[in-house]
Protein backbone atom coordinates (compact mmCIF):
# COMPACT_ATOMS: atom_id res chain seq x y z
CA MET A 1 102.96 136.38 94.87
CA LYS A 2 106.03 134.22 94.56
CA ILE A 3 109.58 135.39 95.18
CA ASN A 4 110.59 134.80 91.55
CA GLU A 5 107.77 137.07 90.39
CA ILE A 6 108.87 139.74 92.85
CA ARG A 7 112.51 139.58 91.75
CA GLU A 8 111.47 140.19 88.14
CA LEU A 9 109.82 143.52 89.03
CA SER A 10 111.67 146.83 88.70
CA ASP A 11 112.31 149.07 91.70
CA GLU A 12 109.40 151.35 90.78
CA GLU A 13 107.06 148.41 90.37
CA LEU A 14 108.16 147.04 93.74
CA SER A 15 107.40 150.33 95.45
CA ALA A 16 103.97 150.52 93.82
CA GLU A 17 103.18 146.91 94.74
CA LEU A 18 104.33 147.52 98.32
CA GLU A 19 102.02 150.52 98.64
CA ARG A 20 99.12 148.55 97.14
CA LEU A 21 99.66 145.67 99.57
CA ARG A 22 99.87 147.98 102.58
CA ARG A 23 96.52 149.50 101.62
CA HIS A 24 95.13 146.00 101.12
CA VAL A 25 96.24 144.93 104.62
CA PHE A 26 94.61 148.06 106.04
CA ASP A 27 91.36 147.22 104.25
CA LEU A 28 91.53 143.63 105.44
CA ARG A 29 92.03 144.77 109.02
CA SER A 30 89.02 147.06 108.71
CA GLN A 31 86.95 144.16 107.44
CA SER A 32 88.23 142.01 110.29
CA VAL A 33 87.11 144.53 112.89
CA THR A 34 83.62 144.74 111.40
CA GLU A 35 83.53 140.92 111.09
CA LYS A 36 83.04 141.03 107.32
CA LEU A 37 86.30 139.30 106.48
CA GLU A 38 85.58 136.07 104.62
CA ASP A 39 89.07 134.54 104.74
CA PRO A 40 91.27 135.50 107.72
CA SER A 41 94.33 133.94 106.10
CA MET A 42 94.33 136.75 103.52
CA VAL A 43 95.87 139.09 106.11
CA THR A 44 98.76 136.69 106.68
CA LYS A 45 99.32 136.18 102.95
CA ALA A 46 99.41 139.91 102.29
CA ARG A 47 101.82 140.51 105.17
CA ARG A 48 104.13 137.80 103.86
CA ASP A 49 104.07 139.37 100.40
CA ILE A 50 105.03 142.70 102.00
CA ALA A 51 107.92 140.98 103.78
CA ARG A 52 109.08 139.40 100.52
CA ILE A 53 109.07 142.75 98.74
CA LEU A 54 110.97 144.43 101.58
CA THR A 55 113.52 141.62 101.52
CA VAL A 56 114.15 142.02 97.79
CA GLN A 57 114.45 145.80 98.18
CA ARG A 58 117.01 145.38 100.96
CA GLN A 59 118.96 142.82 98.94
CA ARG A 60 119.13 145.22 96.01
CA ALA A 61 120.21 148.10 98.26
CA HIS A 62 122.90 145.94 99.83
CA ALA A 63 124.16 144.78 96.42
CA ALA A 64 124.34 148.41 95.25
CA ALA A 65 126.24 149.42 98.38
CA VAL A 66 128.74 146.59 97.93
CA ALA A 67 129.20 147.46 94.27
CA GLY A 68 129.75 151.11 95.21
CA ALA A 69 132.31 150.20 97.84
CA GLU A 70 134.19 147.99 95.40
CA SER A 71 134.29 150.73 92.78
CA GLU A 72 135.76 153.16 95.35
CA ARG A 73 138.59 150.73 96.12
CA LYS A 74 139.73 150.66 92.52
């Protein structure tokens, strides 16, 4: 998933996608332990997608906090 695609998602969609990816990483780890994982790079890709989603969520939270602080000053 690319960062532009992630930024287009709503907050609810981001949360759902984050949960889905966390389950996917868990499943991939389980497959890795039982040596049934076909492509080991899938774990890395999923973890990077999780990091991208968390980054966008933090950016949005920070932007909301800054906007809230500016509205209190006025």
